[in-house]
Amino acid sequence: MIGNVSESWLHKLNTMLRVLNQTLQHAESCAQGVNHMKEEAVEEQETYAYMYILFVMVLFAVTVGSLILGYTQSGKEVDKQNDPYHVYIKNRVSMI
């Protein structure tokens, strides 16, 4: 009877160890899958970071370009005949 009890106990222990081993192997495969998913998420976040930086740089370039273009175009619209400096020079030359 003692031999029969120890055999059933060993059988239960063996079954429990197999189930534990399967659980651990499943946990490792899940951990590898999670790590792979984390790496993909990090790569996706880095892609969004590059896109954000590129967007900000383009927005800055367009803003600065429009300011420079607006400033240079506004200089052509000023009538130099009404400019006080040119009026002074014109009057000064006519006096001589």
PDB file of N, CA and C in Angstrom:
ATOM      1  N   MET A   1       0.791  -1.175   0.000  1.00  0.00           N
ATOM      2  CA  MET A   1       0.000   0.000   0.000  1.00  0.00           C
ATOM      3  C   MET A   1       0.847   1.258   0.000  1.00  0.00           C
ATOM      4  N   ILE A   2       1.949   1.213   0.705  1.00  0.00           N
ATOM      5  CA  ILE A   2       2.828   2.378   0.733  1.00  0.00           C
ATOM      6  C   ILE A   2       3.422   2.592  -0.641  1.00  0.00           C
ATOM      7  N   GLY A   3       3.803   1.548  -1.318  1.00  0.00           N
ATOM      8  CA  GLY A   3       4.338   1.678  -2.669  1.00  0.00           C
ATOM      9  C   GLY A   3       3.299   2.255  -3.618  1.00  0.00           C
ATOM     10  N   ASN A   4       2.056   1.887  -3.483  1.00  0.00           N
ATOM     11  CA  ASN A   4       0.990   2.387  -4.323  1.00  0.00           C
ATOM     12  C   ASN A   4       0.757   3.873  -4.076  1.00  0.00           C
ATOM     13  N   VAL A   5       0.822   4.305  -2.818  1.00  0.00           N
ATOM     14  CA  VAL A   5       0.631   5.714  -2.458  1.00  0.00           C
ATOM     15  C   VAL A   5       1.781   6.540  -3.001  1.00  0.00           C
ATOM     16  N   SER A   6       3.001   6.056  -2.876  1.00  0.00           N
ATOM     17  CA  SER A   6       4.151   6.812  -3.371  1.00  0.00           C
ATOM     18  C   SER A   6       4.133   6.903  -4.896  1.00  0.00           C
ATOM     19  N   GLU A   7       3.643   5.835  -5.584  1.00  0.00           N
ATOM     20  CA  GLU A   7       3.553   5.899  -7.040  1.00  0.00           C
ATOM     21  C   GLU A   7       2.525   6.942  -7.481  1.00  0.00           C
ATOM     22  N   SER A   8       1.379   7.007  -6.812  1.00  0.00           N
ATOM     23  CA  SER A   8       0.375   8.009  -7.179  1.00  0.00           C
ATOM     24  C   SER A   8       0.893   9.422  -6.852  1.00  0.00           C
ATOM     25  N   TRP A   9       1.633   9.518  -5.742  1.00  0.00           N
ATOM     26  CA  TRP A   9       2.206  10.813  -5.383  1.00  0.00           C
ATOM     27  C   TRP A   9       3.244  11.235  -6.421  1.00  0.00           C
ATOM     28  N   LEU A  10       4.080  10.313  -6.861  1.00  0.00           N
ATOM     29  CA  LEU A  10       5.077  10.609  -7.899  1.00  0.00           C
ATOM     30  C   LEU A  10       4.391  10.948  -9.226  1.00  0.00           C
ATOM     31  N   HIS A  11       3.314  10.237  -9.523  1.00  0.00           N
ATOM     32  CA  HIS A  11       2.574  10.516 -10.759  1.00  0.00           C
ATOM     33  C   HIS A  11       1.969  11.924 -10.702  1.00  0.00           C
ATOM     34  N   LYS A  12       1.399  12.290  -9.565  1.00  0.00           N
ATOM     35  CA  LYS A  12       0.839  13.630  -9.413  1.00  0.00           C
ATOM     36  C   LYS A  12       1.935  14.697  -9.492  1.00  0.00           C
ATOM     37  N   LEU A  13       3.069  14.429  -8.854  1.00  0.00           N
ATOM     38  CA  LEU A  13       4.194  15.368  -8.890  1.00  0.00           C
ATOM     39  C   LEU A  13       4.707  15.532 -10.314  1.00  0.00           C
ATOM     40  N   ASN A  14       4.819  14.424 -11.051  1.00  0.00           N
ATOM     41  CA  ASN A  14       5.273  14.470 -12.433  1.00  0.00           C
ATOM     42  C   ASN A  14       4.295  15.270 -13.290  1.00  0.00           C
ATOM     43  N   THR A  15       3.003  15.046 -13.096  1.00  0.00           N
ATOM     44  CA  THR A  15       1.986  15.782 -13.847  1.00  0.00           C
ATOM     45  C   THR A  15       2.062  17.278 -13.514  1.00  0.00           C
ATOM     46  N   MET A  16       2.213  17.588 -12.246  1.00  0.00           N
ATOM     47  CA  MET A  16       2.288  18.983 -11.828  1.00  0.00           C
ATOM     48  C   MET A  16       3.529  19.665 -12.407  1.00  0.00           C
ATOM     49  N   LEU A  17       4.654  18.962 -12.426  1.00  0.00           N
ATOM     50  CA  LEU A  17       5.881  19.531 -12.991  1.00  0.00           C
ATOM     51  C   LEU A  17       5.759  19.752 -14.503  1.00  0.00           C
ATOM     52  N   ARG A  18       5.096  18.819 -15.202  1.00  0.00           N
ATOM     53  CA  ARG A  18       4.887  19.012 -16.645  1.00  0.00           C
ATOM     54  C   ARG A  18       4.016  20.230 -16.924  1.00  0.00           C
ATOM     55  N   VAL A  19       2.946  20.385 -16.126  1.00  0.00           N
ATOM     56  CA  VAL A  19       2.059  21.544 -16.302  1.00  0.00           C
ATOM     57  C   VAL A  19       2.816  22.835 -15.991  1.00  0.00           C
ATOM     58  N   LEU A  20       3.626  22.823 -14.937  1.00  0.00           N
ATOM     59  CA  LEU A  20       4.428  23.993 -14.587  1.00  0.00           C
ATOM     60  C   LEU A  20       5.427  24.316 -15.691  1.00  0.00           C
ATOM     61  N   ASN A  21       6.042  23.310 -16.266  1.00  0.00           N
ATOM     62  CA  ASN A  21       6.991  23.505 -17.360  1.00  0.00           C
ATOM     63  C   ASN A  21       6.300  24.111 -18.577  1.00  0.00           C
ATOM     64  N   GLN A  22       5.114  23.605 -18.910  1.00  0.00           N
ATOM     65  CA  GLN A  22       4.364  24.166 -20.042  1.00  0.00           C
ATOM     66  C   GLN A  22       3.988  25.619 -19.777  1.00  0.00           C
ATOM     67  N   THR A  23       3.609  25.906 -18.533  1.00  0.00           N
ATOM     68  CA  THR A  23       3.252  27.282 -18.174  1.00  0.00           C
ATOM     69  C   THR A  23       4.456  28.196 -18.315  1.00  0.00           C
ATOM     70  N   LEU A  24       5.613  27.744 -17.847  1.00  0.00           N
ATOM     71  CA  LEU A  24       6.826  28.558 -17.957  1.00  0.00           C
ATOM     72  C   LEU A  24       7.229  28.761 -19.412  1.00  0.00           C
ATOM     73  N   GLN A  25       7.110  27.730 -20.227  1.00  0.00           N
ATOM     74  CA  GLN A  25       7.440  27.876 -21.641  1.00  0.00           C
ATOM     75  C   GLN A  25       6.469  28.827 -22.324  1.00  0.00           C
ATOM     76  N   HIS A  26       5.209  28.762 -21.957  1.00  0.00           N
ATOM     77  CA  HIS A  26       4.210  29.669 -22.522  1.00  0.00           C
ATOM     78  C   HIS A  26       4.507  31.109 -22.085  1.00  0.00           C
ATOM     79  N   ALA A  27       4.929  31.277 -20.828  1.00  0.00           N
ATOM     80  CA  ALA A  27       5.254  32.619 -20.327  1.00  0.00           C
ATOM     81  C   ALA A  27       6.458  33.187 -21.075  1.00  0.00           C
ATOM     82  N   GLU A  28       7.455  32.345 -21.370  1.00  0.00           N
ATOM     83  CA  GLU A  28       8.624  32.806 -22.118  1.00  0.00           C
ATOM     84  C   GLU A  28       8.233  33.218 -23.535  1.00  0.00           C
ATOM     85  N   SER A  29       7.391  32.428 -24.177  1.00  0.00           N
ATOM     86  CA  SER A  29       6.981  32.783 -25.536  1.00  0.00           C
ATOM     87  C   SER A  29       6.142  34.050 -25.521  1.00  0.00           C
ATOM     88  N   CYS A  30       5.318  34.221 -24.479  1.00  0.00           N
ATOM     89  CA  CYS A  30       4.531  35.456 -24.360  1.00  0.00           C
ATOM     90  C   CYS A  30       5.460  36.637 -24.117  1.00  0.00           C
ATOM     91  N   ALA A  31       6.484  36.446 -23.285  1.00  0.00           N
ATOM     92  CA  ALA A  31       7.425  37.527 -23.000  1.00  0.00           C
ATOM     93  C   ALA A  31       8.177  37.917 -24.268  1.00  0.00           C
ATOM     94  N   GLN A  32       8.549  36.930 -25.078  1.00  0.00           N
ATOM     95  CA  GLN A  32       9.224  37.248 -26.341  1.00  0.00           C
ATOM     96  C   GLN A  32       8.283  38.003 -27.268  1.00  0.00           C
ATOM     97  N   GLY A  33       7.031  37.619 -27.292  1.00  0.00           N
ATOM     98  CA  GLY A  33       6.048  38.325 -28.113  1.00  0.00           C
ATOM     99  C   GLY A  33       5.834  39.744 -27.624  1.00  0.00           C
ATOM    100  N   VAL A  34       5.802  39.918 -26.304  1.00  0.00           N
ATOM    101  CA  VAL A  34       5.632  41.256 -25.734  1.00  0.00           C
ATOM    102  C   VAL A  34       6.848  42.108 -26.051  1.00  0.00           C
ATOM    103  N   ASN A  35       8.050  41.534 -25.932  1.00  0.00           N
ATOM    104  CA  ASN A  35       9.263  42.283 -26.261  1.00  0.00           C
ATOM    105  C   ASN A  35       9.259  42.687 -27.725  1.00  0.00           C
ATOM    106  N   HIS A  36       8.827  41.788 -28.591  1.00  0.00           N
ATOM    107  CA  HIS A  36       8.760  42.103 -30.019  1.00  0.00           C
ATOM    108  C   HIS A  36       7.755  43.221 -30.258  1.00  0.00           C
ATOM    109  N   MET A  37       6.617  43.161 -29.558  1.00  0.00           N
ATOM    110  CA  MET A  37       5.606  44.206 -29.715  1.00  0.00           C
ATOM    111  C   MET A  37       6.121  45.534 -29.168  1.00  0.00           C
ATOM    112  N   LYS A  38       6.885  45.494 -28.060  1.00  0.00           N
ATOM    113  CA  LYS A  38       7.455  46.723 -27.505  1.00  0.00           C
ATOM    114  C   LYS A  38       8.445  47.338 -28.492  1.00  0.00           C
ATOM    115  N   GLU A  39       9.281  46.504 -29.132  1.00  0.00           N
ATOM    116  CA  GLU A  39      10.241  47.011 -30.108  1.00  0.00           C
ATOM    117  C   GLU A  39       9.515  47.666 -31.281  1.00  0.00           C
ATOM    118  N   GLU A  40       8.426  47.053 -31.747  1.00  0.00           N
ATOM    119  CA  GLU A  40       7.655  47.649 -32.840  1.00  0.00           C
ATOM    120  C   GLU A  40       7.038  48.971 -32.400  1.00  0.00           C
ATOM    121  N   ALA A  41       6.559  49.030 -31.148  1.00  0.00           N
ATOM    122  CA  ALA A  41       5.956  50.267 -30.654  1.00  0.00           C
ATOM    123  C   ALA A  41       6.997  51.368 -30.551  1.00  0.00           C
ATOM    124  N   VAL A  42       8.205  51.013 -30.108  1.00  0.00           N
ATOM    125  CA  VAL A  42       9.282  52.005 -30.007  1.00  0.00           C
ATOM    126  C   VAL A  42       9.654  52.505 -31.394  1.00  0.00           C
ATOM    127  N   GLU A  43       9.752  51.609 -32.370  1.00  0.00           N
ATOM    128  CA  GLU A  43      10.072  52.020 -33.732  1.00  0.00           C
ATOM    129  C   GLU A  43       8.973  52.922 -34.283  1.00  0.00           C
ATOM    130  N   GLU A  44       7.720  52.595 -33.977  1.00  0.00           N
ATOM    131  CA  GLU A  44       6.608  53.414 -34.457  1.00  0.00           C
ATOM    132  C   GLU A  44       6.650  54.792 -33.801  1.00  0.00           C
ATOM    133  N   GLN A  45       6.971  54.844 -32.503  1.00  0.00           N
ATOM    134  CA  GLN A  45       7.071  56.132 -31.817  1.00  0.00           C
ATOM    135  C   GLN A  45       8.225  56.952 -32.385  1.00  0.00           C
ATOM    136  N   GLU A  46       9.357  56.289 -32.693  1.00  0.00           N
ATOM    137  CA  GLU A  46      10.475  57.004 -33.285  1.00  0.00           C
ATOM    138  C   GLU A  46      10.095  57.562 -34.647  1.00  0.00           C
ATOM    139  N   THR A  47       9.311  56.807 -35.415  1.00  0.00           N
ATOM    140  CA  THR A  47       8.856  57.290 -36.711  1.00  0.00           C
ATOM    141  C   THR A  47       7.993  58.528 -36.530  1.00  0.00           C
ATOM    142  N   TYR A  48       7.094  58.498 -35.541  1.00  0.00           N
ATOM    143  CA  TYR A  48       6.265  59.674 -35.281  1.00  0.00           C
ATOM    144  C   TYR A  48       7.120  60.843 -34.802  1.00  0.00           C
ATOM    145  N   ALA A  49       8.156  60.581 -34.036  1.00  0.00           N
ATOM    146  CA  ALA A  49       9.035  61.655 -33.570  1.00  0.00           C
ATOM    147  C   ALA A  49       9.740  62.305 -34.755  1.00  0.00           C
ATOM    148  N   TYR A  50      10.240  61.497 -35.682  1.00  0.00           N
ATOM    149  CA  TYR A  50      10.892  62.057 -36.871  1.00  0.00           C
ATOM    150  C   TYR A  50       9.899  62.871 -37.697  1.00  0.00           C
ATOM    151  N   MET A  51       8.679  62.376 -37.822  1.00  0.00           N
ATOM    152  CA  MET A  51       7.678  63.107 -38.589  1.00  0.00           C
ATOM    153  C   MET A  51       7.332  64.433 -37.909  1.00  0.00           C
ATOM    154  N   TYR A  52       7.251  64.437 -36.590  1.00  0.00           N
ATOM    155  CA  TYR A  52       6.953  65.662 -35.853  1.00  0.00           C
ATOM    156  C   TYR A  52       8.079  66.681 -36.026  1.00  0.00           C
ATOM    157  N   ILE A  53       9.318  66.241 -35.898  1.00  0.00           N
ATOM    158  CA  ILE A  53      10.457  67.136 -36.074  1.00  0.00           C
ATOM    159  C   ILE A  53      10.488  67.684 -37.488  1.00  0.00           C
ATOM    160  N   LEU A  54      10.241  66.839 -38.455  1.00  0.00           N
ATOM    161  CA  LEU A  54      10.209  67.284 -39.852  1.00  0.00           C
ATOM    162  C   LEU A  54       9.085  68.294 -40.066  1.00  0.00           C
ATOM    163  N   PHE A  55       7.915  68.058 -39.488  1.00  0.00           N
ATOM    164  CA  PHE A  55       6.795  68.980 -39.614  1.00  0.00           C
ATOM    165  C   PHE A  55       7.143  70.338 -39.014  1.00  0.00           C
ATOM    166  N   VAL A  56       7.735  70.349 -37.827  1.00  0.00           N
ATOM    167  CA  VAL A  56       8.095  71.610 -37.174  1.00  0.00           C
ATOM    168  C   VAL A  56       9.141  72.351 -37.991  1.00  0.00           C
ATOM    169  N   MET A  57      10.118  71.639 -38.542  1.00  0.00           N
ATOM    170  CA  MET A  57      11.149  72.291 -39.348  1.00  0.00           C
ATOM    171  C   MET A  57      10.559  72.898 -40.616  1.00  0.00           C
ATOM    172  N   VAL A  58       9.656  72.185 -41.271  1.00  0.00           N
ATOM    173  CA  VAL A  58       9.026  72.717 -42.483  1.00  0.00           C
ATOM    174  C   VAL A  58       8.170  73.926 -42.138  1.00  0.00           C
ATOM    175  N   LEU A  59       7.429  73.854 -41.054  1.00  0.00           N
ATOM    176  CA  LEU A  59       6.602  74.980 -40.628  1.00  0.00           C
ATOM    177  C   LEU A  59       7.475  76.198 -40.329  1.00  0.00           C
ATOM    178  N   PHE A  60       8.587  75.998 -39.664  1.00  0.00           N
ATOM    179  CA  PHE A  60       9.512  77.092 -39.366  1.00  0.00           C
ATOM    180  C   PHE A  60      10.092  77.665 -40.654  1.00  0.00           C
ATOM    181  N   ALA A  61      10.486  76.814 -41.589  1.00  0.00           N
ATOM    182  CA  ALA A  61      11.060  77.284 -42.850  1.00  0.00           C
ATOM    183  C   ALA A  61      10.046  78.097 -43.646  1.00  0.00           C
ATOM    184  N   VAL A  62       8.805  77.639 -43.688  1.00  0.00           N
ATOM    185  CA  VAL A  62       7.765  78.378 -44.416  1.00  0.00           C
ATOM    186  C   VAL A  62       7.513  79.730 -43.751  1.00  0.00           C
ATOM    187  N   THR A  63       7.472  79.758 -42.429  1.00  0.00           N
ATOM    188  CA  THR A  63       7.249  81.015 -41.715  1.00  0.00           C
ATOM    189  C   THR A  63       8.375  82.006 -41.967  1.00  0.00           C
ATOM    190  N   VAL A  64       9.602  81.557 -41.809  1.00  0.00           N
ATOM    191  CA  VAL A  64      10.750  82.447 -42.025  1.00  0.00           C
ATOM    192  C   VAL A  64      10.826  82.863 -43.486  1.00  0.00           C
ATOM    193  N   GLY A  65      10.594  81.958 -44.393  1.00  0.00           N
ATOM    194  CA  GLY A  65      10.614  82.291 -45.820  1.00  0.00           C
ATOM    195  C   GLY A  65       9.574  83.329 -46.182  1.00  0.00           C
ATOM    196  N   SER A  66       8.371  83.169 -45.631  1.00  0.00           N
ATOM    197  CA  SER A  66       7.317  84.150 -45.934  1.00  0.00           C
ATOM    198  C   SER A  66       7.648  85.509 -45.329  1.00  0.00           C
ATOM    199  N   LEU A  67       8.245  85.534 -44.138  1.00  0.00           N
ATOM    200  CA  LEU A  67       8.645  86.816 -43.542  1.00  0.00           C
ATOM    201  C   LEU A  67       9.728  87.499 -44.372  1.00  0.00           C
ATOM    202  N   ILE A  68      10.725  86.742 -44.811  1.00  0.00           N
ATOM    203  CA  ILE A  68      11.796  87.315 -45.629  1.00  0.00           C
ATOM    204  C   ILE A  68      11.235  87.809 -46.955  1.00  0.00           C
ATOM    205  N   LEU A  69      10.424  87.011 -47.595  1.00  0.00           N
ATOM    206  CA  LEU A  69       9.843  87.400 -48.871  1.00  0.00           C
ATOM    207  C   LEU A  69       8.950  88.630 -48.712  1.00  0.00           C
ATOM    208  N   GLY A  70       8.147  88.664 -47.665  1.00  0.00           N
ATOM    209  CA  GLY A  70       7.292  89.821 -47.405  1.00  0.00           C
ATOM    210  C   GLY A  70       8.101  91.077 -47.159  1.00  0.00           C
ATOM    211  N   TYR A  71       9.190  90.947 -46.421  1.00  0.00           N
ATOM    212  CA  TYR A  71      10.032  92.110 -46.141  1.00  0.00           C
ATOM    213  C   TYR A  71      10.712  92.628 -47.406  1.00  0.00           C
ATOM    214  N   THR A  72      11.242  91.728 -48.219  1.00  0.00           N
ATOM    215  CA  THR A  72      11.918  92.175 -49.438  1.00  0.00           C
ATOM    216  C   THR A  72      10.931  92.763 -50.447  1.00  0.00           C
ATOM    217  N   GLN A  73       9.724  92.233 -50.499  1.00  0.00           N
ATOM    218  CA  GLN A  73       8.725  92.779 -51.423  1.00  0.00           C
ATOM    219  C   GLN A  73       8.198  94.125 -50.934  1.00  0.00           C
ATOM    220  N   SER A  74       8.145  94.321 -49.635  1.00  0.00           N
ATOM    221  CA  SER A  74       7.640  95.588 -49.114  1.00  0.00           C
ATOM    222  C   SER A  74       8.614  96.725 -49.409  1.00  0.00           C
ATOM    223  N   GLY A  75       9.889  96.440 -49.552  1.00  0.00           N
ATOM    224  CA  GLY A  75      10.872  97.478 -49.863  1.00  0.00           C
ATOM    225  C   GLY A  75      10.663  98.042 -51.256  1.00  0.00           C
ATOM    226  N   LYS A  76      10.144  97.277 -52.167  1.00  0.00           N
ATOM    227  CA  LYS A  76       9.904  97.742 -53.534  1.00  0.00           C
ATOM    228  C   LYS A  76       8.679  98.644 -53.611  1.00  0.00           C
ATOM    229  N   GLU A  77       7.742  98.482 -52.673  1.00  0.00           N
ATOM    230  CA  GLU A  77       6.502  99.234 -52.724  1.00  0.00           C
ATOM    231  C   GLU A  77       6.647 100.644 -52.171  1.00  0.00           C
ATOM    232  N   VAL A  78       7.712 100.885 -51.410  1.00  0.00           N
ATOM    233  CA  VAL A  78       7.906 102.211 -50.824  1.00  0.00           C
ATOM    234  C   VAL A  78       8.279 103.186 -51.929  1.00  0.00           C
ATOM    235  N   ASP A  79       7.591 104.269 -51.981  1.00  0.00           N
ATOM    236  CA  ASP A  79       7.887 105.300 -52.976  1.00  0.00           C
ATOM    237  C   ASP A  79       9.067 106.112 -52.472  1.00  0.00           C
ATOM    238  N   LYS A  80      10.170 106.020 -53.153  1.00  0.00           N
ATOM    239  CA  LYS A  80      11.375 106.682 -52.692  1.00  0.00           C
ATOM    240  C   LYS A  80      11.295 108.196 -52.862  1.00  0.00           C
ATOM    241  N   GLN A  81      10.385 108.674 -53.667  1.00  0.00           N
ATOM    242  CA  GLN A  81      10.249 110.124 -53.846  1.00  0.00           C
ATOM    243  C   GLN A  81       9.683 110.787 -52.597  1.00  0.00           C
ATOM    244  N   ASN A  82       8.901 110.072 -51.805  1.00  0.00           N
ATOM    245  CA  ASN A  82       8.326 110.630 -50.591  1.00  0.00           C
ATOM    246  C   ASN A  82       9.183 110.356 -49.364  1.00  0.00           C
ATOM    247  N   ASP A  83      10.258 109.656 -49.541  1.00  0.00           N
ATOM    248  CA  ASP A  83      11.138 109.354 -48.429  1.00  0.00           C
ATOM    249  C   ASP A  83      11.833 110.645 -47.985  1.00  0.00           C
ATOM    250  N   PRO A  84      11.801 110.961 -46.694  1.00  0.00           N
ATOM    251  CA  PRO A  84      12.399 112.237 -46.239  1.00  0.00           C
ATOM    252  C   PRO A  84      13.873 112.367 -46.604  1.00  0.00           C
ATOM    253  N   TYR A  85      14.619 111.292 -46.606  1.00  0.00           N
ATOM    254  CA  TYR A  85      16.031 111.360 -46.956  1.00  0.00           C
ATOM    255  C   TYR A  85      16.191 111.794 -48.407  1.00  0.00           C
ATOM    256  N   HIS A  86      15.404 111.180 -49.298  1.00  0.00           N
ATOM    257  CA  HIS A  86      15.511 111.533 -50.713  1.00  0.00           C
ATOM    258  C   HIS A  86      15.005 112.959 -50.975  1.00  0.00           C
ATOM    259  N   VAL A  87      13.989 113.384 -50.255  1.00  0.00           N
ATOM    260  CA  VAL A  87      13.503 114.772 -50.395  1.00  0.00           C
ATOM    261  C   VAL A  87      14.593 115.744 -49.969  1.00  0.00           C
ATOM    262  N   TYR A  88      15.282 115.442 -48.882  1.00  0.00           N
ATOM    263  CA  TYR A  88      16.361 116.294 -48.395  1.00  0.00           C
ATOM    264  C   TYR A  88      17.486 116.366 -49.417  1.00  0.00           C
ATOM    265  N   ILE A  89      17.896 115.189 -49.957  1.00  0.00           N
ATOM    266  CA  ILE A  89      18.958 115.168 -50.962  1.00  0.00           C
ATOM    267  C   ILE A  89      18.522 115.949 -52.202  1.00  0.00           C
ATOM    268  N   LYS A  90      17.305 115.771 -52.643  1.00  0.00           N
ATOM    269  CA  LYS A  90      16.796 116.480 -53.833  1.00  0.00           C
ATOM    270  C   LYS A  90      16.819 117.994 -53.605  1.00  0.00           C
ATOM    271  N   ASN A  91      16.366 118.422 -52.434  1.00  0.00           N
ATOM    272  CA  ASN A  91      16.372 119.847 -52.135  1.00  0.00           C
ATOM    273  C   ASN A  91      17.800 120.363 -51.988  1.00  0.00           C
ATOM    274  N   ARG A  92      18.652 119.620 -51.437  1.00  0.00           N
ATOM    275  CA  ARG A  92      20.037 120.016 -51.221  1.00  0.00           C
ATOM    276  C   ARG A  92      20.743 120.164 -52.575  1.00  0.00           C
ATOM    277  N   VAL A  93      20.520 119.211 -53.492  1.00  0.00           N
ATOM    278  CA  VAL A  93      21.154 119.262 -54.802  1.00  0.00           C
ATOM    279  C   VAL A  93      20.618 120.457 -55.589  1.00  0.00           C
ATOM    280  N   SER A  94      19.344 120.735 -55.469  1.00  0.00           N
ATOM    281  CA  SER A  94      18.781 121.870 -56.207  1.00  0.00           C
ATOM    282  C   SER A  94      19.287 123.201 -55.671  1.00  0.00           C
ATOM    283  N   MET A  95      19.711 123.224 -54.438  1.00  0.00           N
ATOM    284  CA  MET A  95      20.266 124.451 -53.859  1.00  0.00           C
ATOM    285  C   MET A  95      21.653 124.727 -54.404  1.00  0.00           C
ATOM    286  N   ILE A  96      22.386 123.742 -54.745  1.00  0.00           N
ATOM    287  CA  ILE A  96      23.765 123.911 -55.199  1.00  0.00           C
ATOM    288  C   ILE A  96      23.725 124.316 -56.614  1.00  0.00           C
TER     289      ILE A  96
END
